[in-house]
Amino acid sequence: MFNKILLSGIGLLLPVLASAQDIYQMENFSSGQLSGTARYVGMGGAMSALGADLSTMSSNPAAIGLYRRSDIAMSLGVVTQEDAEKFDGKNKTHLSFDQLGFVYALKLDDSTCKFLNFGFNYHKQKDFNRLLSVSGSPAGNASQTWQMADLASYWGGHDKATPLANMGWEAYLIGADDDGNYNAYGASALSYKHARWGSIQAYDFNISTNLSEQFYLGLTIGAMNVNYHSYSLYAENLVNSDGQAAGSYSLSDDRTITGSAFNVKLGFIARPVKESPFRVGVSVSTPTYYNLRQRSFSRILANYSDDNTTYDPYADIGGYDYNIHTPWTFNLSLGHTIANCVAIGAEYEYADYSTAKVTYDSGYDDWGWGSDETEDRELNNQSSRFLKGVSTFKLGLEWMVDPKVAIRFGYNYVSSPFKTGAYPNQTINRASIDYQTTSDYMNLSGINRYTVGLGFNFGKAYLDAACQYAHQSGTFYPFNTQNGIDTNLNEAPSFKLNLSNTQLMVTVGYRF
């Protein structure tokens, strides 16, 4: 192993502008969750054609047109993650403010346009809270320092590679021989802990109408606020080329993403036979346009046993603005009621995640006026290669066992967004590659959500409760050794993680 030169008080300050974006961040902002009122959740979200629920204005705006009375409601919940360990002061259970909204139903003296309804609804579009913890002894002494060395070699030098590789050089985790070939340590053991928290908070503004009690039209304009935080700590016990213990190091990463977003949704619901309660709904949502700023601080702390030296380089990411455009979303829904005591809903939703894009504001257009966006073509090509179309299926049933009591059941399935073999390629010439300070990633499975609920009607007031169990797994990799070639074997260890969680929630509301 290469010789280390003793440096005192070393600190590496990288005056860079951005942390890296990749396909995993694009997926993170393209996906959502099953959230809203307890009635909506209890029926698996399959209410877009049934309508008359505050949460439907985000899935089919026309569903608000089925209201004949005004409504106001608020929802609170508690979420618990399975198989999670407390880290960085974060627990596996947290409270959640899920929804707050109202609809004002304006009855019109018109033979065709029966109602003109106006609505507003806040809902938590995505809850980022999650804890991860893995540890093990990698086969073949595979080490994150291997990826650091690969990146330094590929980009023609540690100073031309990513901040991760450059920090590795400054901490003497990698070194170069006389021919410029980079070498690295091995790892006898590794561990990783990660906590993330925050949410995407959505604010929907809706206008909808009822035409002859047979056709319903709606428009929803959505505004979002992003508040994302994460902290991770990765550590390895090092071995030299002879397999002898050489020391240890840790890599910490603390980051924040803030921003705003907007989208527009259009919806239509029809009763094909006016005398029948059977309804068909269709809706479309434009891409959500996120304007984001990311900041991070990363540090390596390396300790070597042969001469008892310590090195402590770091990368301070000041802040960088960029945009994520999520895919278009299309929804088809069916709804039917039987004898005014049973309601059945079914939906299919599709979004092609491979079309998600990252852009940057250039500050001017081709004519030198206004603002324009520049695509990150290399990163967007990775999105096309490793992300895919996502299908969501929703089924829901509500049974009024009594005029004042309802029982609800739901099922909700979301397919995996990742193609087989997906990984974050750090050897492409994307705009943010110069600022990559981490190497971990996780490929997610599909999600199976099972829901039950109860509803109590007190006249104008109502109380709903729901329980949601969401089962999902993920294959986690602490680093990658494919060096940008898809067919290469990734020698990094993989960990199959259980990401399942349970949510209990209640909604209190008043109709008038």
Protein backbone atom coordinates (compact mmCIF):
# COMPACT_ATOMS: atom_id res chain seq x y z
CA MET A 1 0.00 0.00 0.00
CA PHE A 2 1.17 3.49 -0.77
CA ASN A 3 3.07 5.53 1.81
CA LYS A 4 1.20 8.22 3.67
CA ILE A 5 2.69 11.67 4.21
CA LEU A 6 1.88 13.25 7.53
CA LEU A 7 -0.09 16.47 7.17
CA SER A 8 -1.14 18.52 10.16
CA GLY A 9 -4.44 20.35 10.32
CA ILE A 10 -5.48 19.33 6.82
CA GLY A 11 -8.94 20.51 5.70
CA LEU A 12 -10.24 20.32 2.16
CA LEU A 13 -12.75 23.05 1.33
CA LEU A 14 -14.36 22.57 -2.07
CA PRO A 15 -16.00 25.83 -3.21
CA VAL A 16 -18.49 24.01 -5.39
CA LEU A 17 -22.05 24.92 -6.21
CA ALA A 18 -24.04 21.70 -6.14
CA SER A 19 -24.51 18.27 -4.77
CA ALA A 20 -25.11 15.70 -7.42
CA GLN A 21 -28.47 14.88 -8.92
CA ASP A 22 -29.05 11.39 -10.28
CA ILE A 23 -31.85 9.06 -11.37
CA TYR A 24 -32.60 8.24 -7.72
CA GLN A 25 -33.38 11.85 -6.92
CA MET A 26 -35.49 12.07 -10.09
CA GLU A 27 -37.49 9.05 -8.91
CA ASN A 28 -37.75 10.43 -5.39
CA PHE A 29 -39.53 13.56 -6.62
CA SER A 30 -41.63 11.77 -9.25
CA SER A 31 -43.21 9.31 -6.80
CA GLY A 32 -45.86 10.03 -4.20
CA GLN A 33 -47.77 8.09 -1.58
CA LEU A 34 -51.30 7.17 -0.56
CA SER A 35 -52.33 10.08 1.64
CA GLY A 36 -55.31 12.34 2.27
CA THR A 37 -58.52 11.91 4.23
CA ALA A 38 -59.06 8.71 6.22
CA ARG A 39 -61.99 7.77 3.96
CA TYR A 40 -59.80 8.14 0.86
CA VAL A 41 -56.97 6.11 2.41
CA GLY A 42 -59.35 3.50 3.80
CA MET A 43 -60.60 2.82 0.26
CA GLY A 44 -57.09 2.51 -1.16
CA GLY A 45 -57.41 5.84 -2.98
CA ALA A 46 -59.95 4.33 -5.43
CA MET A 47 -62.39 7.25 -5.22
CA SER A 48 -61.71 9.32 -8.34
CA ALA A 49 -64.96 8.27 -10.06
CA LEU A 50 -66.98 8.01 -6.85
CA GLY A 51 -65.99 11.56 -5.93
CA ALA A 52 -67.25 13.88 -3.22
CA ASP A 53 -64.08 13.55 -1.11
CA LEU A 54 -61.56 16.35 -0.58
CA SER A 55 -58.58 14.18 -1.54
CA THR A 56 -59.96 13.42 -5.00
CA MET A 57 -59.17 16.91 -6.26
CA SER A 58 -55.54 15.75 -6.65
CA SER A 59 -56.42 12.53 -8.56
CA ASN A 60 -59.43 13.67 -10.64
CA PRO A 61 -60.48 17.33 -10.28
CA ALA A 62 -63.94 16.56 -11.66
CA ALA A 63 -64.69 14.42 -8.58
CA ILE A 64 -65.21 17.62 -6.56
CA GLY A 65 -68.11 18.39 -8.91
CA LEU A 66 -70.11 15.60 -7.26
CA TYR A 67 -70.40 17.61 -4.03
CA ARG A 68 -73.90 18.91 -3.29
CA ARG A 69 -73.01 20.28 0.14
CA SER A 70 -70.01 22.23 1.39
CA ASP A 71 -67.38 20.32 3.36
CA ILE A 72 -64.44 21.04 5.63
CA ALA A 73 -62.09 18.41 7.08
CA MET A 74 -58.72 17.85 8.77
CA SER A 75 -56.64 14.67 9.01
CA LEU A 76 -53.88 13.62 11.40
CA GLY A 77 -51.90 10.40 11.63
CA VAL A 78 -48.99 8.48 13.09
CA VAL A 79 -46.55 6.43 10.99
CA THR A 80 -44.27 3.60 12.17
CA GLN A 81 -41.51 2.04 10.07
CA GLU A 82 -40.74 -1.66 10.48
CA ASP A 83 -37.20 -2.93 11.14
CA ALA A 84 -35.85 0.57 11.82
CA GLU A 85 -33.27 1.70 14.36
CA LYS A 86 -33.12 5.15 15.94
CA PHE A 87 -30.38 7.29 14.38
CA ASP A 88 -29.40 10.96 14.50
CA GLY A 89 -32.18 11.62 16.99
CA LYS A 90 -34.87 10.30 14.64
CA ASN A 91 -37.29 7.56 15.74
CA LYS A 92 -39.11 4.96 13.66
CA THR A 93 -42.47 6.48 14.70
CA HIS A 94 -43.54 10.04 13.92
CA LEU A 95 -46.69 12.15 13.84
CA SER A 96 -48.04 13.36 10.51
CA PHE A 97 -50.32 16.28 9.60
CA ASP A 98 -51.85 14.74 6.48
CA GLN A 99 -54.66 16.95 5.21
CA LEU A 100 -56.69 20.13 5.69
CA GLY A 101 -59.23 21.41 3.19
CA PHE A 102 -62.69 22.58 2.26
CA VAL A 103 -65.19 22.65 -0.60
CA TYR A 104 -67.77 25.34 -1.11
CA ALA A 105 -70.71 23.97 -3.12
CA LEU A 106 -72.57 26.77 -4.94
CA LYS A 107 -75.99 25.67 -6.16
CA LEU A 108 -77.04 27.42 -9.37
CA ASP A 109 -80.50 28.18 -10.73
CA ASP A 110 -79.68 26.61 -14.05
CA SER A 111 -81.29 23.62 -15.71
CA THR A 112 -77.92 22.36 -17.00
CA CYS A 113 -75.19 23.62 -14.66
CA LYS A 114 -76.43 22.38 -11.29
CA PHE A 115 -73.45 23.28 -9.10
CA LEU A 116 -70.26 25.30 -9.36
CA ASN A 117 -67.88 24.13 -6.65
CA PHE A 118 -64.70 25.70 -5.33
CA GLY A 119 -62.18 23.79 -3.25
CA PHE A 120 -58.84 24.01 -1.49
CA ASN A 121 -56.96 21.11 0.03
CA TYR A 122 -53.58 20.75 1.68
CA HIS A 123 -52.16 17.25 1.76
CA LYS A 124 -48.80 15.69 2.42
CA GLN A 125 -47.87 14.49 -1.04
CA LYS A 126 -44.78 12.66 0.16
CA ASP A 127 -43.39 11.88 3.60
CA PHE A 128 -39.60 11.55 3.35
CA ASN A 129 -39.14 10.10 6.84
CA ARG A 130 -37.10 6.89 6.69
CA LEU A 131 -34.33 5.16 8.63
CA LEU A 132 -31.78 2.72 7.20
CA SER A 133 -29.09 0.64 8.89
CA VAL A 134 -26.81 -2.05 7.40
CA SER A 135 -23.54 -3.73 8.37
CA GLY A 136 -21.49 -6.68 7.23
CA SER A 137 -18.20 -8.11 5.99
CA PRO A 138 -17.91 -7.58 2.22
CA ALA A 139 -16.84 -10.54 0.09
CA GLY A 140 -13.37 -10.17 -1.36
CA ASN A 141 -12.69 -7.18 0.92
CA ALA A 142 -14.62 -4.93 -1.47
CA SER A 143 -14.26 -1.31 -0.39
CA GLN A 144 -15.71 2.08 -1.20
CA THR A 145 -12.12 3.16 -1.80
CA TRP A 146 -12.22 0.97 -4.93
CA GLN A 147 -14.84 3.29 -6.42
CA MET A 148 -12.76 6.31 -5.39
CA ALA A 149 -9.76 4.86 -7.23
CA ASP A 150 -11.90 3.94 -10.27
CA LEU A 151 -13.21 7.49 -10.51
CA ALA A 152 -9.77 9.06 -10.12
CA SER A 153 -8.42 6.82 -12.90
CA TYR A 154 -11.40 7.34 -15.22
CA TRP A 155 -11.40 11.12 -14.98
CA GLY A 156 -7.61 11.37 -15.37
CA GLY A 157 -6.70 12.32 -11.82
CA HIS A 158 -8.18 12.70 -8.38
CA ASP A 159 -8.35 16.47 -8.79
CA LYS A 160 -10.42 16.04 -11.97
CA ALA A 161 -12.75 13.45 -10.47
CA THR A 162 -15.64 13.81 -8.02
CA PRO A 163 -15.26 15.38 -4.56
CA LEU A 164 -15.73 11.87 -3.15
CA ALA A 165 -12.60 10.67 -4.97
CA ASN A 166 -10.71 13.86 -4.14
CA MET A 167 -11.56 13.55 -0.43
CA GLY A 168 -10.34 9.95 -0.64
CA TRP A 169 -7.01 11.21 -2.00
CA GLU A 170 -6.67 13.92 0.65
CA ALA A 171 -7.41 11.32 3.35
CA TYR A 172 -4.82 8.93 1.81
CA LEU A 173 -7.46 6.28 1.14
CA ILE A 174 -6.28 6.09 -2.48
CA GLY A 175 -2.91 6.79 -4.07
CA ALA A 176 -1.22 6.69 -7.46
CA ASP A 177 1.86 4.84 -8.66
CA ASP A 178 4.48 6.27 -10.99
CA ASP A 179 2.34 5.37 -14.02
CA GLY A 180 -0.66 7.27 -12.68
CA ASN A 181 -2.61 4.13 -11.81
CA TYR A 182 -4.67 4.53 -8.64
CA ASN A 183 -4.71 1.92 -5.90
CA ALA A 184 -6.85 1.54 -2.79
CA TYR A 185 -7.42 -0.34 0.44
CA GLY A 186 -9.73 -3.26 1.09
CA ALA A 187 -12.47 -3.49 3.72
CA SER A 188 -12.88 -6.22 6.32
CA ALA A 189 -16.16 -4.73 7.62
CA LEU A 190 -18.52 -1.88 6.76
CA SER A 191 -21.55 -0.18 8.25
CA TYR A 192 -24.04 2.42 7.07
CA LYS A 193 -26.70 4.43 8.88
CA HIS A 194 -29.03 6.93 7.30
CA ALA A 195 -31.88 9.16 8.45
CA ARG A 196 -34.02 11.33 6.25
CA TRP A 197 -36.98 13.51 7.14
CA GLY A 198 -39.22 16.25 5.76
CA SER A 199 -41.99 16.21 3.17
CA ILE A 200 -43.48 17.55 -0.04
CA GLN A 201 -46.49 19.63 1.00
CA ALA A 202 -49.12 20.08 -1.72
CA TYR A 203 -51.74 22.84 -1.93
CA ASP A 204 -54.54 22.17 -4.42
CA PHE A 205 -56.94 24.84 -5.74
CA ASN A 206 -59.97 23.42 -7.51
CA ILE A 207 -62.94 24.56 -9.56
CA SER A 208 -65.47 22.04 -10.80
CA THR A 209 -69.00 21.81 -12.07
CA ASN A 210 -71.96 19.45 -12.30
CA LEU A 211 -73.76 19.34 -15.67
CA SER A 212 -77.24 17.83 -15.54
CA GLU A 213 -76.19 15.33 -12.86
CA GLN A 214 -74.52 13.33 -15.65
CA PHE A 215 -71.25 15.02 -16.57
CA TYR A 216 -68.67 16.54 -14.26
CA LEU A 217 -65.70 18.73 -15.17
CA GLY A 218 -62.84 19.94 -12.99
CA LEU A 219 -59.56 21.82 -12.93
CA THR A 220 -56.97 21.71 -10.14
CA ILE A 221 -53.88 23.89 -9.90
CA GLY A 222 -51.35 22.42 -7.52
CA ALA A 223 -48.53 24.22 -5.70
CA MET A 224 -45.91 22.33 -3.69
CA ASN A 225 -43.34 23.16 -1.06
CA VAL A 226 -40.28 20.92 -0.64
CA ASN A 227 -38.45 20.42 2.64
CA TYR A 228 -35.99 17.50 2.58
CA HIS A 229 -33.18 16.69 5.02
CA SER A 230 -30.88 13.71 5.39
CA TYR A 231 -27.84 12.60 7.34
CA SER A 232 -25.79 9.47 6.65
CA LEU A 233 -22.71 7.88 8.19
CA TYR A 234 -20.69 5.24 6.32
CA ALA A 235 -17.70 3.47 7.90
CA GLU A 236 -15.13 0.82 6.95
CA ASN A 237 -12.41 -1.16 8.71
CA LEU A 238 -9.48 -1.07 6.31
CA VAL A 239 -7.06 -3.81 5.33
CA ASN A 240 -3.91 -3.47 3.23
CA SER A 241 -2.88 -5.53 0.21
CA ASP A 242 -1.58 -8.26 2.56
CA GLY A 243 -4.96 -8.52 4.29
CA GLN A 244 -3.68 -6.93 7.50
CA ALA A 245 -5.68 -4.40 9.50
CA ALA A 246 -4.66 -0.89 8.48
CA GLY A 247 -7.11 1.42 10.24
CA SER A 248 -10.57 2.75 9.59
CA TYR A 249 -12.46 5.69 8.15
CA SER A 250 -15.95 7.18 8.11
CA LEU A 251 -17.80 9.35 5.59
CA SER A 252 -20.59 11.58 6.87
CA ASP A 253 -22.98 13.48 4.63
CA ASP A 254 -25.48 16.11 5.76
CA ARG A 255 -27.76 17.58 3.09
CA THR A 256 -30.84 19.71 2.61
CA ILE A 257 -33.10 20.21 -0.42
CA THR A 258 -35.65 23.00 -0.48
CA GLY A 259 -37.82 24.40 -3.23
CA SER A 260 -41.22 24.78 -4.78
CA ALA A 261 -43.24 23.23 -7.59
CA PHE A 262 -46.52 23.41 -9.49
CA ASN A 263 -48.69 21.33 -11.79
CA VAL A 264 -52.11 21.42 -13.46
CA LYS A 265 -54.72 18.65 -13.52
CA LEU A 266 -57.82 18.26 -15.68
CA GLY A 267 -60.62 15.78 -15.00
CA PHE A 268 -63.85 14.49 -16.50
CA ILE A 269 -66.46 12.10 -15.08
CA ALA A 270 -69.52 10.79 -16.88
CA ARG A 271 -72.53 8.62 -16.05
CA PRO A 272 -72.99 6.78 -19.37
CA VAL A 273 -76.57 5.95 -18.39
CA LYS A 274 -78.19 8.84 -16.58
CA GLU A 275 -80.48 6.56 -14.58
CA SER A 276 -77.53 4.45 -13.38
CA PRO A 277 -75.04 5.44 -10.63
CA PHE A 278 -72.20 3.82 -12.62
CA ARG A 279 -69.50 6.40 -13.42
CA VAL A 280 -66.37 6.55 -15.58
CA GLY A 281 -63.64 9.10 -14.96
CA VAL A 282 -60.50 10.21 -16.79
CA SER A 283 -57.90 12.73 -15.72
CA VAL A 284 -54.48 13.96 -16.77
CA SER A 285 -51.81 15.79 -14.83
CA THR A 286 -49.04 17.85 -16.38
CA PRO A 287 -45.49 17.19 -15.22
CA THR A 288 -44.72 18.70 -11.84
CA TYR A 289 -42.09 21.40 -12.32
CA TYR A 290 -39.76 21.47 -9.32
CA ASN A 291 -37.41 24.39 -8.72
CA LEU A 292 -34.90 23.12 -6.16
CA ARG A 293 -31.82 24.18 -4.23
CA GLN A 294 -29.54 21.61 -2.65
CA ARG A 295 -26.86 22.09 0.01
CA SER A 296 -24.62 19.56 1.69
CA PHE A 297 -21.59 19.10 3.90
CA SER A 298 -19.51 15.89 3.66
CA ARG A 299 -16.52 14.84 5.72
CA ILE A 300 -14.08 11.92 5.81
CA LEU A 301 -12.36 11.01 9.07
CA ALA A 302 -9.55 8.49 8.44
CA ASN A 303 -7.37 6.88 11.13
CA TYR A 304 -4.35 4.69 10.31
CA SER A 305 -2.96 2.13 12.72
CA ASP A 306 0.65 1.95 11.46
CA ASP A 307 1.62 5.52 12.41
CA ASN A 308 -1.48 6.61 14.39
CA THR A 309 -2.25 9.47 12.00
CA THR A 310 -5.67 11.06 11.34
CA TYR A 311 -6.90 12.94 8.27
CA ASP A 312 -10.08 14.99 8.06
CA PRO A 313 -10.90 16.40 4.60
CA TYR A 314 -14.35 17.77 3.84
CA ALA A 315 -16.50 19.16 1.03
CA ASP A 316 -18.78 22.10 1.74
CA ILE A 317 -21.51 22.44 -0.89
CA GLY A 318 -22.85 25.96 -0.75
CA GLY A 319 -26.03 25.71 -2.78
CA TYR A 320 -27.16 25.17 -6.32
CA ASP A 321 -30.42 25.72 -8.22
CA TYR A 322 -31.81 23.15 -10.65
CA ASN A 323 -35.14 21.84 -11.88
CA ILE A 324 -36.79 18.43 -12.05
CA HIS A 325 -39.67 17.79 -14.46
CA THR A 326 -41.66 14.71 -13.47
CA PRO A 327 -43.66 12.65 -16.02
CA TRP A 328 -47.18 13.26 -17.27
CA THR A 329 -49.72 11.20 -15.31
CA PHE A 330 -52.87 9.60 -16.74
CA ASN A 331 -55.74 8.16 -14.70
CA LEU A 332 -58.76 6.02 -15.61
CA SER A 333 -61.34 5.34 -12.88
CA LEU A 334 -64.61 3.47 -12.43
CA GLY A 335 -67.18 3.86 -9.65
CA HIS A 336 -70.52 2.34 -8.80
CA THR A 337 -72.95 2.36 -5.90
CA ILE A 338 -75.44 -0.36 -5.02
CA ALA A 339 -78.69 0.35 -3.14
CA ASN A 340 -77.11 3.46 -1.60
CA CYS A 341 -75.24 1.28 0.87
CA VAL A 342 -72.28 -0.16 -1.08
CA ALA A 343 -69.72 1.86 -3.07
CA ILE A 344 -67.08 0.23 -5.27
CA GLY A 345 -64.14 2.01 -6.90
CA ALA A 346 -61.36 0.90 -9.24
CA GLU A 347 -58.56 2.89 -10.88
CA TYR A 348 -55.52 2.57 -13.09
CA GLU A 349 -52.84 5.26 -13.23
CA TYR A 350 -49.74 5.44 -15.39
CA ALA A 351 -46.64 7.64 -15.40
CA ASP A 352 -43.52 6.99 -17.49
CA TYR A 353 -40.64 7.79 -15.13
CA SER A 354 -38.10 7.37 -17.94
CA THR A 355 -39.27 10.75 -19.28
CA ALA A 356 -38.34 12.63 -16.09
CA LYS A 357 -35.81 15.38 -16.77
CA VAL A 358 -33.33 17.62 -14.99
CA THR A 359 -32.77 21.15 -16.31
CA TYR A 360 -30.90 24.26 -15.23
CA ASP A 361 -31.93 27.90 -15.53
CA SER A 362 -29.54 29.58 -17.95
CA GLY A 363 -30.95 33.03 -17.27
CA TYR A 364 -31.65 33.90 -20.91
CA ASP A 365 -33.28 32.47 -24.00
CA ASP A 366 -31.96 32.14 -27.54
CA TRP A 367 -32.76 35.81 -28.19
CA GLY A 368 -31.01 37.02 -25.05
CA TRP A 369 -34.28 37.86 -23.31
CA GLY A 370 -35.95 36.35 -20.26
CA SER A 371 -35.14 32.98 -18.75
CA ASP A 372 -34.43 29.68 -20.45
CA GLU A 373 -33.63 26.14 -19.36
CA THR A 374 -30.74 23.90 -20.35
CA GLU A 375 -31.24 20.13 -20.26
CA ASP A 376 -28.80 17.82 -18.53
CA ARG A 377 -28.80 15.48 -21.53
CA GLU A 378 -26.40 12.90 -20.12
CA LEU A 379 -28.35 12.52 -16.90
CA ASN A 380 -31.67 12.46 -18.76
CA ASN A 381 -30.28 9.65 -20.93
CA GLN A 382 -29.61 7.71 -17.73
CA SER A 383 -33.24 8.27 -16.76
CA SER A 384 -34.32 6.74 -20.07
CA ARG A 385 -31.99 3.75 -19.54
CA PHE A 386 -32.72 2.88 -15.92
CA LEU A 387 -36.19 4.20 -15.07
CA LYS A 388 -39.43 2.84 -16.53
CA GLY A 389 -43.16 3.32 -16.68
CA VAL A 390 -44.95 2.98 -13.34
CA SER A 391 -48.46 1.55 -13.06
CA THR A 392 -50.72 2.11 -10.07
CA PHE A 393 -53.79 -0.05 -9.40
CA LYS A 394 -56.41 0.95 -6.82
CA LEU A 395 -59.42 -0.96 -5.51
CA GLY A 396 -61.82 0.20 -2.82
CA LEU A 397 -65.04 -0.87 -1.15
CA GLU A 398 -67.31 0.98 1.27
CA TRP A 399 -70.24 -0.72 3.01
CA MET A 400 -72.76 1.32 4.95
CA VAL A 401 -73.72 -1.26 7.58
CA ASP A 402 -75.89 1.42 9.16
CA PRO A 403 -76.85 4.94 8.04
CA LYS A 404 -74.37 6.19 10.60
CA VAL A 405 -71.58 3.57 10.28
CA ALA A 406 -69.40 2.58 7.29
CA ILE A 407 -66.73 -0.09 6.89
CA ARG A 408 -64.05 0.36 4.21
CA PHE A 409 -61.42 -1.81 2.56
CA GLY A 410 -58.78 -0.97 -0.03
CA TYR A 411 -55.83 -2.28 -1.99
CA ASN A 412 -53.25 -0.16 -3.77
CA TYR A 413 -50.30 -1.43 -5.84
CA VAL A 414 -47.49 0.63 -7.38
CA SER A 415 -44.98 -1.10 -9.68
CA SER A 416 -41.20 -0.65 -9.33
CA PRO A 417 -39.77 2.43 -11.08
CA PHE A 418 -36.33 0.86 -11.70
CA LYS A 419 -35.15 -1.41 -14.47
CA THR A 420 -32.95 -4.40 -13.60
CA GLY A 421 -29.33 -3.35 -13.04
CA ALA A 422 -30.00 0.34 -12.39
CA TYR A 423 -27.18 2.27 -10.71
CA PRO A 424 -25.92 5.88 -10.47
CA ASN A 425 -23.31 6.24 -13.20
CA GLN A 426 -20.59 8.64 -12.02
CA THR A 427 -18.59 8.37 -15.25
CA ILE A 428 -20.96 10.40 -17.42
CA ASN A 429 -20.34 14.05 -18.17
CA ARG A 430 -23.40 15.40 -16.40
CA ALA A 431 -23.52 18.89 -14.99
CA SER A 432 -23.36 17.85 -11.33
CA ILE A 433 -20.79 15.06 -11.52
CA ASP A 434 -18.10 17.41 -10.20
CA TYR A 435 -20.00 17.62 -6.92
CA GLN A 436 -20.73 13.96 -6.09
CA THR A 437 -19.88 13.32 -2.43
CA THR A 438 -21.61 9.96 -1.81
CA SER A 439 -21.79 6.55 -3.47
CA ASP A 440 -24.77 4.70 -1.93
CA TYR A 441 -28.01 3.90 -3.77
CA MET A 442 -31.06 1.65 -3.47
CA ASN A 443 -33.29 0.00 -6.08
CA LEU A 444 -36.87 -0.16 -4.86
CA SER A 445 -39.42 -2.91 -5.37
CA GLY A 446 -43.09 -2.30 -6.04
CA ILE A 447 -45.40 -1.29 -3.19
CA ASN A 448 -48.37 -3.27 -1.92
CA ARG A 449 -50.70 -1.21 0.27
CA TYR A 450 -53.54 -2.76 2.28
CA THR A 451 -56.07 -0.48 3.95
CA VAL A 452 -59.11 -0.69 6.23
CA GLY A 453 -61.28 2.06 7.61
CA LEU A 454 -64.31 3.04 9.65
CA GLY A 455 -66.66 5.98 9.20
CA PHE A 456 -69.12 7.52 11.64
CA ASN A 457 -71.81 9.96 10.56
CA PHE A 458 -73.22 12.34 13.20
CA GLY A 459 -75.48 14.30 10.89
CA LYS A 460 -73.47 17.26 9.66
CA ALA A 461 -70.32 16.20 11.52
CA TYR A 462 -68.36 13.03 10.73
CA LEU A 463 -65.37 11.07 11.98
CA ASP A 464 -63.32 8.66 9.87
CA ALA A 465 -60.42 6.40 10.82
CA ALA A 466 -58.09 4.32 8.65
CA CYS A 467 -55.14 1.96 8.89
CA GLN A 468 -52.69 1.57 6.02
CA TYR A 469 -49.99 -1.09 5.79
CA ALA A 470 -47.48 -0.45 2.99
CA HIS A 471 -45.13 -3.32 2.15
CA GLN A 472 -41.99 -2.51 0.15
CA SER A 473 -38.43 -3.75 -0.03
CA GLY A 474 -35.23 -2.28 -1.44
CA THR A 475 -31.85 -3.58 -2.55
CA PHE A 476 -29.22 -1.29 -1.04
CA TYR A 477 -25.64 -0.85 -2.30
CA PRO A 478 -23.13 1.24 -0.30
CA PHE A 479 -21.02 1.87 -3.43
CA ASN A 480 -20.55 0.73 -7.03
CA THR A 481 -17.55 -0.80 -8.85
CA GLN A 482 -18.93 -1.08 -12.39
CA ASN A 483 -16.96 1.98 -13.45
CA GLY A 484 -19.69 3.14 -15.81
CA ILE A 485 -20.01 -0.13 -17.74
CA ASP A 486 -23.41 -1.76 -17.32
CA THR A 487 -22.14 -5.28 -18.05
CA ASN A 488 -19.39 -5.12 -15.41
CA LEU A 489 -19.97 -6.98 -12.18
CA ASN A 490 -20.65 -4.71 -9.22
CA GLU A 491 -18.42 -6.17 -6.51
CA ALA A 492 -20.06 -4.08 -3.78
CA PRO A 493 -22.17 -6.04 -1.29
CA SER A 494 -25.94 -5.71 -1.53
CA PHE A 495 -28.43 -5.66 1.32
CA LYS A 496 -32.12 -6.53 1.03
CA LEU A 497 -34.03 -4.12 3.26
CA ASN A 498 -37.59 -4.11 4.56
CA LEU A 499 -39.04 -0.61 4.06
CA SER A 500 -42.58 -1.42 5.17
CA ASN A 501 -44.55 0.93 7.40
CA THR A 502 -47.93 1.23 9.09
CA GLN A 503 -50.04 4.38 9.31
CA LEU A 504 -52.97 5.06 11.61
CA MET A 505 -55.01 8.19 10.91
CA VAL A 506 -58.24 10.02 11.70
CA THR A 507 -60.25 12.67 9.89
CA VAL A 508 -62.74 15.01 11.49
CA GLY A 509 -65.11 16.90 9.20
CA TYR A 510 -68.27 18.95 8.89
CA ARG A 511 -70.70 19.16 5.96
CA PHE A 512 -73.14 22.01 5.63
